[in-house]
Amino acid sequence: MSWRVRLRLFGLALVVVGLGGCYLRDAYRSSLRPPSSVKPREYVVVTTGYCPCSECCGWTRNWWGRPTYASGPLKGKAKKVGQTASGAMAKPGTIAADTSIFPFGTVLYVPGYGYGRVEDRGGDIKGYHIDLFYRTHSAALKHGRYRERVKVWLPEDLRGGGVP
């Protein structure tokens, strides 16, 4: 086999792996899908977007340039940017919600966003309001503020229990 043919095959392999990476990324997010045998509940919620920036997440930098909490009981303490209240790192599919209504681990399907899991909470997130994670501030702002009907799957220990 000539070197030209090998080079073409190598280029084709790179294209396949590159496209496969996109497929694998989507397959990773699809792991959030709940079992098809479980019927979802439907809620009408207000959706907004957020990102890991200081404006969205309420952190600031100290005089050494390190991120710290800007307010609340942890004001001035070190902050790990991107870490959610559940301890996981935020990524697309991460949802912030009022955990008294949608506890950590709740899976939601939001039209136009896809599946996500509640892994965070925020100071301004009260009641039937959820915040959808985006990687950039411009994408979070572009999402806007909407009232939407979402499908909800509560965690195993709460399913069937007294949550409306």
N, C-alpha and C. Protein backbone atom coordinates (compact mmCIF):
# COMPACT_ATOMS: atom_id res chain seq x y z
N MET A 1 0.86 -1.17 0.00
CA MET A 1 0.00 0.00 0.00
C MET A 1 0.91 1.24 0.00
N SER A 2 0.62 2.18 -0.88
CA SER A 2 1.45 3.37 -1.00
C SER A 2 1.22 4.32 0.17
N TRP A 3 2.13 5.25 0.38
CA TRP A 3 2.02 6.20 1.49
C TRP A 3 0.83 7.13 1.29
N ARG A 4 0.45 7.41 0.04
CA ARG A 4 -0.71 8.28 -0.22
C ARG A 4 -2.01 7.61 0.23
N VAL A 5 -2.14 6.34 -0.05
CA VAL A 5 -3.33 5.60 0.36
C VAL A 5 -3.39 5.54 1.89
N ARG A 6 -2.23 5.28 2.52
CA ARG A 6 -2.19 5.25 3.98
C ARG A 6 -2.57 6.61 4.57
N LEU A 7 -2.09 7.68 3.96
CA LEU A 7 -2.40 9.02 4.44
C LEU A 7 -3.89 9.30 4.32
N ARG A 8 -4.51 8.90 3.22
CA ARG A 8 -5.95 9.08 3.05
C ARG A 8 -6.74 8.28 4.08
N LEU A 9 -6.32 7.03 4.31
CA LEU A 9 -6.99 6.21 5.32
C LEU A 9 -6.83 6.81 6.71
N PHE A 10 -5.64 7.36 7.00
CA PHE A 10 -5.41 8.00 8.29
C PHE A 10 -6.31 9.23 8.43
N GLY A 11 -6.43 10.01 7.37
CA GLY A 11 -7.30 11.19 7.40
C GLY A 11 -8.75 10.79 7.60
N LEU A 12 -9.18 9.74 6.93
CA LEU A 12 -10.54 9.23 7.09
C LEU A 12 -10.77 8.76 8.53
N ALA A 13 -9.77 8.10 9.10
CA ALA A 13 -9.89 7.64 10.49
C ALA A 13 -10.01 8.82 11.44
N LEU A 14 -9.26 9.90 11.19
CA LEU A 14 -9.37 11.09 12.03
C LEU A 14 -10.76 11.71 11.95
N VAL A 15 -11.34 11.73 10.76
CA VAL A 15 -12.69 12.27 10.60
C VAL A 15 -13.69 11.42 11.36
N VAL A 16 -13.57 10.10 11.26
CA VAL A 16 -14.49 9.20 11.96
C VAL A 16 -14.36 9.38 13.46
N VAL A 17 -13.14 9.47 13.97
CA VAL A 17 -12.93 9.65 15.41
C VAL A 17 -13.47 11.02 15.84
N GLY A 18 -13.25 12.04 15.03
CA GLY A 18 -13.77 13.38 15.36
C GLY A 18 -15.28 13.39 15.43
N LEU A 19 -15.94 12.78 14.48
CA LEU A 19 -17.39 12.71 14.50
C LEU A 19 -17.87 11.81 15.63
N GLY A 20 -17.12 10.76 15.89
CA GLY A 20 -17.46 9.87 16.99
C GLY A 20 -17.38 10.59 18.33
N GLY A 21 -16.47 11.55 18.44
CA GLY A 21 -16.38 12.34 19.67
C GLY A 21 -17.66 13.10 19.92
N CYS A 22 -18.25 13.67 18.88
CA CYS A 22 -19.53 14.36 19.03
C CYS A 22 -20.61 13.37 19.45
N TYR A 23 -20.57 12.21 18.84
CA TYR A 23 -21.56 11.19 19.20
C TYR A 23 -21.40 10.79 20.65
N LEU A 24 -20.16 10.57 21.09
CA LEU A 24 -19.92 10.16 22.47
C LEU A 24 -20.32 11.25 23.45
N ARG A 25 -20.12 12.52 23.07
CA ARG A 25 -20.54 13.61 23.94
C ARG A 25 -22.05 13.58 24.13
N ASP A 26 -22.80 13.37 23.04
CA ASP A 26 -24.25 13.30 23.13
C ASP A 26 -24.69 12.05 23.89
N ALA A 27 -23.97 10.96 23.71
CA ALA A 27 -24.30 9.74 24.44
C ALA A 27 -24.08 9.94 25.93
N TYR A 28 -23.07 10.73 26.30
CA TYR A 28 -22.82 11.00 27.71
C TYR A 28 -24.00 11.76 28.31
N ARG A 29 -24.48 12.78 27.60
CA ARG A 29 -25.62 13.54 28.11
C ARG A 29 -26.88 12.70 28.11
N SER A 30 -26.98 11.75 27.18
CA SER A 30 -28.19 10.94 27.12
C SER A 30 -28.28 9.99 28.30
N SER A 31 -27.19 9.81 29.07
CA SER A 31 -27.25 8.95 30.24
C SER A 31 -28.17 9.54 31.30
N LEU A 32 -28.57 10.79 31.14
CA LEU A 32 -29.50 11.41 32.07
C LEU A 32 -30.92 10.95 31.84
N ARG A 33 -31.17 10.28 30.76
CA ARG A 33 -32.54 9.86 30.46
C ARG A 33 -33.03 8.86 31.49
N PRO A 34 -34.23 9.08 31.99
CA PRO A 34 -34.79 8.15 32.96
C PRO A 34 -35.29 6.89 32.27
N PRO A 35 -35.60 5.84 33.04
CA PRO A 35 -36.13 4.62 32.43
C PRO A 35 -37.46 4.91 31.72
N SER A 36 -37.65 4.31 30.58
CA SER A 36 -38.87 4.56 29.81
C SER A 36 -40.11 3.99 30.49
N SER A 37 -39.92 3.07 31.44
CA SER A 37 -41.06 2.47 32.13
C SER A 37 -41.67 3.38 33.19
N VAL A 38 -40.95 4.46 33.54
CA VAL A 38 -41.43 5.37 34.58
C VAL A 38 -42.12 6.56 33.93
N LYS A 39 -43.35 6.81 34.31
CA LYS A 39 -44.11 7.91 33.74
C LYS A 39 -43.72 9.22 34.42
N PRO A 40 -43.41 10.27 33.64
CA PRO A 40 -43.01 11.55 34.24
C PRO A 40 -44.20 12.35 34.75
N ARG A 41 -43.92 13.24 35.68
CA ARG A 41 -44.90 14.23 36.10
C ARG A 41 -44.64 15.47 35.26
N GLU A 42 -45.66 16.31 35.08
CA GLU A 42 -45.47 17.55 34.33
C GLU A 42 -45.71 18.73 35.23
N TYR A 43 -44.83 19.72 35.10
CA TYR A 43 -44.91 20.96 35.86
C TYR A 43 -44.73 22.12 34.90
N VAL A 44 -45.31 23.25 35.24
CA VAL A 44 -45.04 24.50 34.52
C VAL A 44 -44.08 25.28 35.40
N VAL A 45 -42.89 25.57 34.88
CA VAL A 45 -41.86 26.27 35.65
C VAL A 45 -41.33 27.45 34.85
N VAL A 46 -40.68 28.34 35.54
CA VAL A 46 -39.95 29.44 34.90
C VAL A 46 -38.52 28.95 34.70
N THR A 47 -38.00 29.08 33.48
CA THR A 47 -36.63 28.67 33.20
C THR A 47 -35.78 29.89 32.89
N THR A 48 -34.57 29.89 33.42
CA THR A 48 -33.57 30.90 33.10
C THR A 48 -32.25 30.17 32.88
N GLY A 49 -31.25 30.89 32.43
CA GLY A 49 -29.94 30.29 32.20
C GLY A 49 -28.90 30.86 33.13
N TYR A 50 -27.87 30.07 33.42
CA TYR A 50 -26.73 30.57 34.19
C TYR A 50 -25.45 29.93 33.70
N CYS A 51 -24.33 30.54 34.05
CA CYS A 51 -23.01 30.04 33.68
C CYS A 51 -22.11 30.14 34.92
N PRO A 52 -20.86 29.69 34.85
CA PRO A 52 -20.02 29.73 36.05
C PRO A 52 -19.39 31.10 36.33
N CYS A 53 -19.80 32.14 35.64
CA CYS A 53 -19.16 33.45 35.84
C CYS A 53 -19.55 34.06 37.18
N SER A 54 -18.81 35.08 37.57
CA SER A 54 -19.05 35.73 38.87
C SER A 54 -20.40 36.44 38.92
N GLU A 55 -20.86 36.92 37.79
CA GLU A 55 -22.15 37.62 37.75
C GLU A 55 -23.31 36.64 37.99
N CYS A 56 -23.23 35.47 37.41
CA CYS A 56 -24.30 34.48 37.56
C CYS A 56 -24.23 33.75 38.90
N CYS A 57 -23.04 33.50 39.41
CA CYS A 57 -22.88 32.62 40.57
C CYS A 57 -22.48 33.32 41.86
N GLY A 58 -22.38 34.64 41.84
CA GLY A 58 -22.16 35.38 43.08
C GLY A 58 -20.82 35.16 43.74
N TRP A 59 -19.75 35.15 42.99
CA TRP A 59 -18.43 35.08 43.59
C TRP A 59 -17.61 36.28 43.14
N THR A 60 -16.54 36.54 43.82
CA THR A 60 -15.66 37.65 43.49
C THR A 60 -14.22 37.18 43.68
N ARG A 61 -13.27 38.02 43.37
CA ARG A 61 -11.86 37.67 43.58
C ARG A 61 -11.30 38.48 44.74
N ASN A 62 -10.49 37.83 45.58
CA ASN A 62 -9.86 38.55 46.67
C ASN A 62 -8.64 39.31 46.14
N TRP A 63 -7.91 39.96 47.01
CA TRP A 63 -6.80 40.78 46.53
C TRP A 63 -5.64 39.95 45.99
N TRP A 64 -5.64 38.63 46.22
CA TRP A 64 -4.66 37.74 45.59
C TRP A 64 -5.14 37.25 44.23
N GLY A 65 -6.38 37.59 43.88
CA GLY A 65 -6.93 37.15 42.60
C GLY A 65 -7.61 35.81 42.67
N ARG A 66 -7.80 35.26 43.86
CA ARG A 66 -8.45 33.96 44.01
C ARG A 66 -9.95 34.14 44.19
N PRO A 67 -10.75 33.23 43.61
CA PRO A 67 -12.21 33.35 43.76
C PRO A 67 -12.67 33.08 45.19
N THR A 68 -13.60 33.92 45.67
CA THR A 68 -14.18 33.77 47.00
C THR A 68 -15.67 34.03 46.91
N TYR A 69 -16.42 33.57 47.92
CA TYR A 69 -17.85 33.85 47.98
C TYR A 69 -18.04 35.34 48.19
N ALA A 70 -18.98 35.94 47.48
CA ALA A 70 -19.21 37.38 47.56
C ALA A 70 -20.18 37.76 48.66
N SER A 71 -21.03 36.83 49.11
CA SER A 71 -22.01 37.15 50.13
C SER A 71 -22.42 35.88 50.87
N GLY A 72 -23.27 36.06 51.87
CA GLY A 72 -23.78 34.93 52.62
C GLY A 72 -22.87 34.50 53.74
N PRO A 73 -23.17 33.37 54.36
CA PRO A 73 -22.39 32.92 55.51
C PRO A 73 -20.95 32.56 55.16
N LEU A 74 -20.67 32.27 53.90
CA LEU A 74 -19.31 31.90 53.48
C LEU A 74 -18.55 33.07 52.86
N LYS A 75 -19.06 34.28 53.01
CA LYS A 75 -18.43 35.46 52.40
C LYS A 75 -16.94 35.52 52.74
N GLY A 76 -16.13 35.66 51.69
CA GLY A 76 -14.69 35.74 51.85
C GLY A 76 -13.98 34.40 51.85
N LYS A 77 -14.70 33.30 52.00
CA LYS A 77 -14.09 31.96 51.98
C LYS A 77 -13.80 31.56 50.54
N ALA A 78 -12.85 30.67 50.38
CA ALA A 78 -12.45 30.21 49.05
C ALA A 78 -13.63 29.54 48.35
N LYS A 79 -13.74 29.78 47.04
CA LYS A 79 -14.83 29.24 46.21
C LYS A 79 -14.20 28.48 45.06
N LYS A 80 -14.65 27.26 44.83
CA LYS A 80 -14.20 26.50 43.67
C LYS A 80 -15.19 26.80 42.55
N VAL A 81 -14.75 27.56 41.56
CA VAL A 81 -15.63 28.00 40.47
C VAL A 81 -16.09 26.79 39.66
N GLY A 82 -17.42 26.70 39.47
CA GLY A 82 -18.00 25.61 38.70
C GLY A 82 -18.49 24.46 39.55
N GLN A 83 -18.19 24.47 40.85
CA GLN A 83 -18.65 23.39 41.71
C GLN A 83 -20.07 23.69 42.19
N THR A 84 -20.94 22.70 42.08
CA THR A 84 -22.34 22.87 42.44
C THR A 84 -22.55 22.59 43.92
N ALA A 85 -23.74 22.87 44.40
CA ALA A 85 -24.08 22.63 45.80
C ALA A 85 -24.03 21.15 46.15
N SER A 86 -24.22 20.27 45.18
CA SER A 86 -24.16 18.83 45.45
C SER A 86 -22.72 18.33 45.44
N GLY A 87 -21.77 19.18 45.04
CA GLY A 87 -20.36 18.79 45.00
C GLY A 87 -19.86 18.44 43.61
N ALA A 88 -20.77 18.22 42.66
CA ALA A 88 -20.38 17.89 41.29
C ALA A 88 -19.94 19.17 40.56
N MET A 89 -19.15 19.00 39.52
CA MET A 89 -18.78 20.14 38.69
C MET A 89 -19.90 20.38 37.68
N ALA A 90 -20.26 21.65 37.49
CA ALA A 90 -21.33 22.01 36.57
C ALA A 90 -20.91 21.71 35.13
N LYS A 91 -21.86 21.23 34.35
CA LYS A 91 -21.64 20.93 32.93
C LYS A 91 -22.99 21.06 32.24
N PRO A 92 -23.03 21.11 30.92
CA PRO A 92 -24.34 21.15 30.27
C PRO A 92 -25.20 19.99 30.74
N GLY A 93 -26.42 20.29 31.13
CA GLY A 93 -27.31 19.28 31.70
C GLY A 93 -27.47 19.48 33.20
N THR A 94 -26.68 20.38 33.79
CA THR A 94 -26.80 20.68 35.21
C THR A 94 -27.93 21.68 35.40
N ILE A 95 -28.79 21.42 36.37
CA ILE A 95 -29.92 22.31 36.63
C ILE A 95 -29.87 22.74 38.09
N ALA A 96 -30.13 24.03 38.31
CA ALA A 96 -30.26 24.56 39.67
C ALA A 96 -31.75 24.73 39.93
N ALA A 97 -32.20 24.28 41.11
CA ALA A 97 -33.62 24.34 41.45
C ALA A 97 -33.79 24.52 42.95
N ASP A 98 -35.01 24.82 43.34
CA ASP A 98 -35.37 24.86 44.75
C ASP A 98 -35.45 23.40 45.20
N THR A 99 -34.52 22.97 46.05
CA THR A 99 -34.43 21.55 46.39
C THR A 99 -35.55 21.09 47.32
N SER A 100 -36.37 22.01 47.81
CA SER A 100 -37.54 21.56 48.58
C SER A 100 -38.63 21.07 47.64
N ILE A 101 -38.57 21.45 46.38
CA ILE A 101 -39.54 21.00 45.37
C ILE A 101 -38.92 19.94 44.47
N PHE A 102 -37.74 20.22 43.93
CA PHE A 102 -37.03 19.30 43.06
C PHE A 102 -35.70 18.95 43.74
N PRO A 103 -35.62 17.87 44.52
CA PRO A 103 -34.39 17.53 45.24
C PRO A 103 -33.25 17.14 44.31
N PHE A 104 -32.03 17.14 44.86
CA PHE A 104 -30.87 16.71 44.09
C PHE A 104 -31.14 15.33 43.48
N GLY A 105 -30.74 15.16 42.23
CA GLY A 105 -30.95 13.88 41.54
C GLY A 105 -32.20 13.84 40.69
N THR A 106 -33.09 14.85 40.82
CA THR A 106 -34.29 14.88 40.01
C THR A 106 -33.89 15.09 38.55
N VAL A 107 -34.47 14.32 37.65
CA VAL A 107 -34.20 14.45 36.21
C VAL A 107 -35.35 15.20 35.58
N LEU A 108 -35.02 16.20 34.75
CA LEU A 108 -36.04 16.99 34.07
C LEU A 108 -35.77 16.98 32.57
N TYR A 109 -36.85 17.05 31.79
CA TYR A 109 -36.73 17.27 30.35
C TYR A 109 -37.31 18.64 30.05
N VAL A 110 -36.46 19.53 29.53
CA VAL A 110 -36.87 20.89 29.20
C VAL A 110 -36.84 21.02 27.68
N PRO A 111 -37.98 21.33 27.04
CA PRO A 111 -37.99 21.49 25.58
C PRO A 111 -36.98 22.55 25.14
N GLY A 112 -36.19 22.22 24.14
CA GLY A 112 -35.19 23.14 23.62
C GLY A 112 -33.86 23.05 24.34
N TYR A 113 -33.82 22.41 25.50
CA TYR A 113 -32.58 22.24 26.27
C TYR A 113 -32.20 20.77 26.36
N GLY A 114 -33.19 19.93 26.57
CA GLY A 114 -32.94 18.50 26.69
C GLY A 114 -33.06 18.03 28.12
N TYR A 115 -32.42 16.89 28.39
CA TYR A 115 -32.47 16.31 29.72
C TYR A 115 -31.43 16.97 30.62
N GLY A 116 -31.75 17.08 31.89
CA GLY A 116 -30.82 17.61 32.86
C GLY A 116 -31.11 17.03 34.23
N ARG A 117 -30.16 17.19 35.13
CA ARG A 117 -30.31 16.68 36.50
C ARG A 117 -30.11 17.83 37.47
N VAL A 118 -30.92 17.88 38.51
CA VAL A 118 -30.79 18.90 39.55
C VAL A 118 -29.56 18.56 40.38
N GLU A 119 -28.55 19.43 40.32
CA GLU A 119 -27.32 19.25 41.07
C GLU A 119 -26.91 20.53 41.78
N ASP A 120 -27.72 21.58 41.66
CA ASP A 120 -27.33 22.86 42.22
C ASP A 120 -28.57 23.58 42.74
N ARG A 121 -28.33 24.60 43.56
CA ARG A 121 -29.40 25.48 44.01
C ARG A 121 -28.80 26.88 44.00
N GLY A 122 -29.65 27.88 43.98
CA GLY A 122 -29.15 29.25 43.97
C GLY A 122 -29.95 30.12 44.91
N GLY A 123 -29.39 31.26 45.25
CA GLY A 123 -30.05 32.17 46.16
C GLY A 123 -31.35 32.73 45.61
N ASP A 124 -31.44 32.90 44.31
CA ASP A 124 -32.63 33.47 43.69
C ASP A 124 -33.57 32.40 43.14
N ILE A 125 -33.25 31.14 43.34
CA ILE A 125 -34.05 30.05 42.80
C ILE A 125 -35.04 29.60 43.87
N LYS A 126 -36.26 30.10 43.77
CA LYS A 126 -37.30 29.77 44.75
C LYS A 126 -38.54 29.29 44.01
N GLY A 127 -39.23 28.31 44.59
CA GLY A 127 -40.48 27.82 44.02
C GLY A 127 -40.25 27.08 42.71
N TYR A 128 -41.17 27.26 41.80
CA TYR A 128 -41.15 26.55 40.52
C TYR A 128 -40.34 27.35 39.50
N HIS A 129 -39.06 27.48 39.78
CA HIS A 129 -38.11 28.21 38.93
C HIS A 129 -36.87 27.33 38.84
N ILE A 130 -36.39 27.08 37.63
CA ILE A 130 -35.16 26.31 37.45
C ILE A 130 -34.19 27.13 36.63
N ASP A 131 -32.91 26.89 36.88
CA ASP A 131 -31.82 27.58 36.19
C ASP A 131 -31.04 26.53 35.42
N LEU A 132 -30.89 26.71 34.11
CA LEU A 132 -30.23 25.75 33.24
C LEU A 132 -28.78 26.18 33.00
N PHE A 133 -27.84 25.27 33.14
CA PHE A 133 -26.42 25.60 32.99
C PHE A 133 -26.02 25.71 31.52
N TYR A 134 -25.27 26.76 31.22
CA TYR A 134 -24.64 26.97 29.90
C TYR A 134 -23.16 27.25 30.14
N ARG A 135 -22.33 26.92 29.18
CA ARG A 135 -20.88 27.11 29.34
C ARG A 135 -20.48 28.59 29.31
N THR A 136 -21.21 29.42 28.56
CA THR A 136 -20.83 30.82 28.43
C THR A 136 -21.94 31.75 28.91
N HIS A 137 -21.55 32.94 29.30
CA HIS A 137 -22.51 33.92 29.79
C HIS A 137 -23.45 34.36 28.66
N SER A 138 -22.92 34.51 27.46
CA SER A 138 -23.76 34.95 26.34
C SER A 138 -24.83 33.90 26.03
N ALA A 139 -24.49 32.62 26.12
CA ALA A 139 -25.49 31.57 25.88
C ALA A 139 -26.55 31.57 26.98
N ALA A 140 -26.14 31.82 28.23
CA ALA A 140 -27.10 31.88 29.33
C ALA A 140 -28.05 33.06 29.15
N LEU A 141 -27.53 34.20 28.73
CA LEU A 141 -28.39 35.37 28.49
C LEU A 141 -29.31 35.13 27.30
N LYS A 142 -28.79 34.45 26.29
CA LYS A 142 -29.59 34.17 25.09
C LYS A 142 -30.80 33.29 25.42
N HIS A 143 -30.65 32.43 26.42
CA HIS A 143 -31.77 31.56 26.82
C HIS A 143 -32.97 32.41 27.24
N GLY A 144 -32.72 33.47 27.98
CA GLY A 144 -33.82 34.34 28.42
C GLY A 144 -34.58 33.76 29.60
N ARG A 145 -35.83 34.20 29.74
CA ARG A 145 -36.70 33.77 30.85
C ARG A 145 -38.02 33.33 30.24
N TYR A 146 -38.40 32.07 30.47
CA TYR A 146 -39.61 31.52 29.88
C TYR A 146 -40.41 30.73 30.91
N ARG A 147 -41.71 30.67 30.70
CA ARG A 147 -42.56 29.71 31.42
C ARG A 147 -42.73 28.53 30.48
N GLU A 148 -42.35 27.37 30.95
CA GLU A 148 -42.39 26.18 30.10
C GLU A 148 -42.96 25.00 30.87
N ARG A 149 -43.55 24.09 30.11
CA ARG A 149 -44.03 22.82 30.68
C ARG A 149 -42.87 21.83 30.57
N VAL A 150 -42.45 21.29 31.71
CA VAL A 150 -41.33 20.35 31.74
C VAL A 150 -41.79 19.00 32.28
N LYS A 151 -41.06 17.97 31.90
CA LYS A 151 -41.33 16.63 32.42
C LYS A 151 -40.33 16.37 33.54
N VAL A 152 -40.81 15.77 34.64
CA VAL A 152 -40.00 15.60 35.83
C VAL A 152 -40.05 14.15 36.32
N TRP A 153 -38.87 13.60 36.63
CA TRP A 153 -38.74 12.29 37.25
C TRP A 153 -38.02 12.50 38.58
N LEU A 154 -38.74 12.31 39.68
CA LEU A 154 -38.16 12.49 41.01
C LEU A 154 -37.25 11.31 41.34
N PRO A 155 -36.30 11.49 42.24
CA PRO A 155 -35.42 10.37 42.62
C PRO A 155 -36.22 9.20 43.18
N GLU A 156 -35.62 8.04 43.15
CA GLU A 156 -36.29 6.80 43.56
C GLU A 156 -36.94 6.90 44.94
N ASP A 157 -36.27 7.49 45.89
CA ASP A 157 -36.81 7.50 47.25
C ASP A 157 -38.00 8.43 47.41
N LEU A 158 -38.24 9.34 46.49
CA LEU A 158 -39.37 10.26 46.59
C LEU A 158 -40.51 9.90 45.65
N ARG A 159 -40.24 9.05 44.69
CA ARG A 159 -41.28 8.72 43.71
C ARG A 159 -42.46 8.08 44.42
N GLY A 160 -43.63 8.63 44.17
CA GLY A 160 -44.84 8.10 44.78
C GLY A 160 -45.11 8.68 46.15
N GLY A 161 -44.16 9.43 46.72
CA GLY A 161 -44.36 10.06 48.03
C GLY A 161 -45.08 11.38 47.86
N GLY A 162 -45.42 12.05 48.89
CA GLY A 162 -46.33 13.20 48.90
C GLY A 162 -45.91 14.45 48.18
N VAL A 163 -45.06 14.40 47.14
CA VAL A 163 -44.71 15.60 46.40
C VAL A 163 -45.71 15.78 45.28
N PRO A 164 -46.36 16.94 45.15
CA PRO A 164 -47.39 17.13 44.12
C PRO A 164 -46.84 17.09 42.72
